[in-house]
N, C-alpha and C. Protein backbone atom coordinates (compact mmCIF):
# COMPACT_ATOMS: atom_id res chain seq x y z
N MET A 1 -54.81 -13.01 66.01
CA MET A 1 -55.10 -11.88 65.14
C MET A 1 -55.31 -12.39 63.72
N ASN A 2 -56.41 -12.00 63.13
CA ASN A 2 -56.76 -12.46 61.80
C ASN A 2 -55.94 -11.76 60.73
N GLY A 3 -55.75 -10.45 60.84
CA GLY A 3 -54.99 -9.72 59.86
C GLY A 3 -55.82 -9.18 58.71
N PHE A 4 -56.98 -9.73 58.49
CA PHE A 4 -57.84 -9.25 57.42
C PHE A 4 -58.85 -8.26 57.98
N THR A 5 -59.08 -7.21 57.22
CA THR A 5 -60.01 -6.17 57.64
C THR A 5 -61.22 -6.18 56.71
N LEU A 6 -62.16 -5.36 57.06
CA LEU A 6 -63.34 -5.21 56.21
C LEU A 6 -62.94 -4.73 54.82
N VAL A 7 -61.89 -3.93 54.75
CA VAL A 7 -61.40 -3.44 53.45
C VAL A 7 -60.93 -4.60 52.58
N ASP A 8 -60.22 -5.57 53.18
CA ASP A 8 -59.76 -6.73 52.41
C ASP A 8 -60.94 -7.53 51.86
N TYR A 9 -61.91 -7.79 52.71
CA TYR A 9 -63.07 -8.57 52.28
C TYR A 9 -63.91 -7.83 51.23
N SER A 10 -64.10 -6.54 51.44
CA SER A 10 -64.90 -5.78 50.48
C SER A 10 -64.15 -5.61 49.16
N ALA A 11 -62.81 -5.47 49.23
CA ALA A 11 -62.02 -5.36 47.99
C ALA A 11 -62.13 -6.64 47.18
N PHE A 12 -62.09 -7.79 47.86
CA PHE A 12 -62.24 -9.05 47.13
C PHE A 12 -63.64 -9.18 46.55
N GLY A 13 -64.64 -8.79 47.34
CA GLY A 13 -66.02 -8.84 46.86
C GLY A 13 -66.23 -7.95 45.63
N LEU A 14 -65.59 -6.79 45.62
CA LEU A 14 -65.70 -5.90 44.46
C LEU A 14 -64.85 -6.40 43.29
N TRP A 15 -63.77 -7.10 43.59
CA TRP A 15 -62.88 -7.56 42.52
C TRP A 15 -63.55 -8.60 41.64
N ILE A 16 -64.46 -9.38 42.19
CA ILE A 16 -65.12 -10.42 41.39
C ILE A 16 -65.91 -9.81 40.22
N PRO A 17 -66.84 -8.86 40.46
CA PRO A 17 -67.53 -8.28 39.29
C PRO A 17 -66.60 -7.45 38.40
N ILE A 18 -65.58 -6.82 38.99
CA ILE A 18 -64.61 -6.07 38.17
C ILE A 18 -63.89 -7.03 37.24
N SER A 19 -63.49 -8.20 37.74
CA SER A 19 -62.79 -9.20 36.92
C SER A 19 -63.67 -9.69 35.79
N ILE A 20 -64.91 -9.94 36.09
CA ILE A 20 -65.84 -10.41 35.06
C ILE A 20 -66.05 -9.33 34.00
N GLY A 21 -66.24 -8.10 34.44
CA GLY A 21 -66.42 -6.99 33.50
C GLY A 21 -65.18 -6.71 32.68
N LEU A 22 -64.02 -6.77 33.33
CA LEU A 22 -62.76 -6.54 32.63
C LEU A 22 -62.49 -7.62 31.60
N SER A 23 -62.76 -8.86 31.96
CA SER A 23 -62.53 -9.94 30.99
C SER A 23 -63.51 -9.83 29.82
N TYR A 24 -64.75 -9.42 30.09
CA TYR A 24 -65.71 -9.22 29.00
C TYR A 24 -65.23 -8.12 28.07
N LEU A 25 -64.78 -7.02 28.66
CA LEU A 25 -64.32 -5.89 27.85
C LEU A 25 -63.10 -6.26 27.02
N LEU A 26 -62.12 -6.91 27.63
CA LEU A 26 -60.90 -7.25 26.91
C LEU A 26 -61.12 -8.33 25.85
N VAL A 27 -61.89 -9.35 26.20
CA VAL A 27 -62.03 -10.48 25.27
C VAL A 27 -63.10 -10.24 24.22
N ARG A 28 -64.26 -9.81 24.65
CA ARG A 28 -65.37 -9.68 23.70
C ARG A 28 -65.32 -8.37 22.91
N LYS A 29 -65.12 -7.26 23.60
CA LYS A 29 -65.18 -5.96 22.92
C LYS A 29 -63.90 -5.61 22.18
N LEU A 30 -62.74 -5.87 22.80
CA LEU A 30 -61.47 -5.54 22.16
C LEU A 30 -60.88 -6.72 21.40
N ASN A 31 -61.55 -7.86 21.45
CA ASN A 31 -61.19 -9.06 20.69
C ASN A 31 -59.77 -9.54 20.99
N LEU A 32 -59.36 -9.41 22.25
CA LEU A 32 -58.07 -9.94 22.67
C LEU A 32 -58.22 -11.42 23.03
N PHE A 33 -57.16 -12.16 22.95
CA PHE A 33 -57.13 -13.58 23.32
C PHE A 33 -58.12 -14.40 22.51
N GLY A 34 -58.42 -14.00 21.30
CA GLY A 34 -59.28 -14.77 20.43
C GLY A 34 -60.75 -14.40 20.46
N GLY A 35 -61.21 -13.70 21.47
CA GLY A 35 -62.58 -13.22 21.52
C GLY A 35 -63.63 -14.25 21.87
N GLY A 36 -63.23 -15.45 22.30
CA GLY A 36 -64.21 -16.49 22.58
C GLY A 36 -64.69 -16.50 24.02
N ASN A 37 -65.82 -17.16 24.23
CA ASN A 37 -66.41 -17.26 25.55
C ASN A 37 -65.51 -18.03 26.52
N LYS A 38 -64.86 -19.08 26.02
CA LYS A 38 -63.95 -19.86 26.86
C LYS A 38 -62.78 -19.00 27.33
N ASN A 39 -62.23 -18.19 26.43
CA ASN A 39 -61.12 -17.31 26.79
C ASN A 39 -61.55 -16.27 27.82
N GLN A 40 -62.78 -15.79 27.68
CA GLN A 40 -63.30 -14.81 28.64
C GLN A 40 -63.38 -15.44 30.03
N LYS A 41 -63.89 -16.67 30.11
CA LYS A 41 -64.00 -17.35 31.40
C LYS A 41 -62.63 -17.62 32.01
N ILE A 42 -61.69 -18.04 31.19
CA ILE A 42 -60.33 -18.32 31.69
C ILE A 42 -59.70 -17.05 32.25
N LEU A 43 -59.85 -15.94 31.55
CA LEU A 43 -59.29 -14.68 32.02
C LEU A 43 -59.94 -14.24 33.33
N ALA A 44 -61.26 -14.34 33.43
CA ALA A 44 -61.95 -13.96 34.66
C ALA A 44 -61.50 -14.83 35.83
N ILE A 45 -61.41 -16.13 35.60
CA ILE A 45 -60.96 -17.04 36.67
C ILE A 45 -59.52 -16.72 37.07
N GLY A 46 -58.69 -16.42 36.09
CA GLY A 46 -57.31 -16.06 36.38
C GLY A 46 -57.19 -14.79 37.19
N LEU A 47 -57.99 -13.80 36.87
CA LEU A 47 -57.96 -12.55 37.64
C LEU A 47 -58.42 -12.77 39.08
N ILE A 48 -59.47 -13.55 39.24
CA ILE A 48 -59.98 -13.84 40.59
C ILE A 48 -58.97 -14.69 41.36
N ALA A 49 -58.39 -15.68 40.70
CA ALA A 49 -57.39 -16.53 41.36
C ALA A 49 -56.15 -15.72 41.75
N GLY A 50 -55.78 -14.76 40.94
CA GLY A 50 -54.66 -13.89 41.28
C GLY A 50 -54.91 -13.10 42.53
N HIS A 51 -56.12 -12.62 42.69
CA HIS A 51 -56.46 -11.88 43.91
C HIS A 51 -56.48 -12.81 45.12
N LEU A 52 -56.98 -14.01 44.95
CA LEU A 52 -56.95 -14.99 46.04
C LEU A 52 -55.51 -15.33 46.43
N LEU A 53 -54.64 -15.45 45.45
CA LEU A 53 -53.24 -15.72 45.73
C LEU A 53 -52.63 -14.58 46.54
N TYR A 54 -52.99 -13.36 46.21
CA TYR A 54 -52.53 -12.21 47.00
C TYR A 54 -53.00 -12.31 48.44
N LEU A 55 -54.27 -12.66 48.64
CA LEU A 55 -54.80 -12.78 50.00
C LEU A 55 -54.09 -13.88 50.78
N LEU A 56 -53.79 -15.00 50.12
CA LEU A 56 -53.05 -16.07 50.78
C LEU A 56 -51.64 -15.62 51.14
N TRP A 57 -50.99 -14.88 50.24
CA TRP A 57 -49.66 -14.38 50.51
C TRP A 57 -49.69 -13.41 51.69
N LYS A 58 -50.70 -12.56 51.74
CA LYS A 58 -50.82 -11.62 52.85
C LYS A 58 -50.99 -12.37 54.16
N LYS A 59 -51.82 -13.39 54.18
CA LYS A 59 -52.04 -14.19 55.38
C LYS A 59 -50.73 -14.85 55.82
N LEU A 60 -50.00 -15.43 54.87
CA LEU A 60 -48.73 -16.08 55.18
C LEU A 60 -47.72 -15.06 55.70
N TRP A 61 -47.64 -13.90 55.08
CA TRP A 61 -46.71 -12.87 55.50
C TRP A 61 -47.03 -12.38 56.91
N LEU A 62 -48.31 -12.17 57.20
CA LEU A 62 -48.69 -11.75 58.55
C LEU A 62 -48.38 -12.83 59.57
N PHE A 63 -48.50 -14.09 59.18
CA PHE A 63 -48.16 -15.19 60.06
C PHE A 63 -46.65 -15.20 60.34
N ILE A 64 -45.85 -14.96 59.31
CA ILE A 64 -44.39 -14.93 59.48
C ILE A 64 -43.96 -13.76 60.34
N VAL A 65 -44.54 -12.60 60.09
CA VAL A 65 -44.15 -11.39 60.83
C VAL A 65 -44.54 -11.49 62.30
N ASN A 66 -45.68 -12.07 62.58
CA ASN A 66 -46.11 -12.20 63.97
C ASN A 66 -45.39 -13.36 64.58
C-alpha cells in the first residue's frame, strides 16, 4: 500500500506555485527578510522543503502503523 492519494500529489503540485507566490508577496511586496531576491528564493525553497518533509513523515508514519 502506497498511502499517498491523488489529493496528496495534487496538494504538493499546488503548493509549489503557492510557495513561490507567498515568498514573492512576503519578501518583495511586504519587504520582510530584507526584500532581496536571494531571500525570496530561500523562503520559497524552505516552504517547498517543509512540505516534502511532511510527505516523508507521512510515509514513515504509514509504514510504522502498517
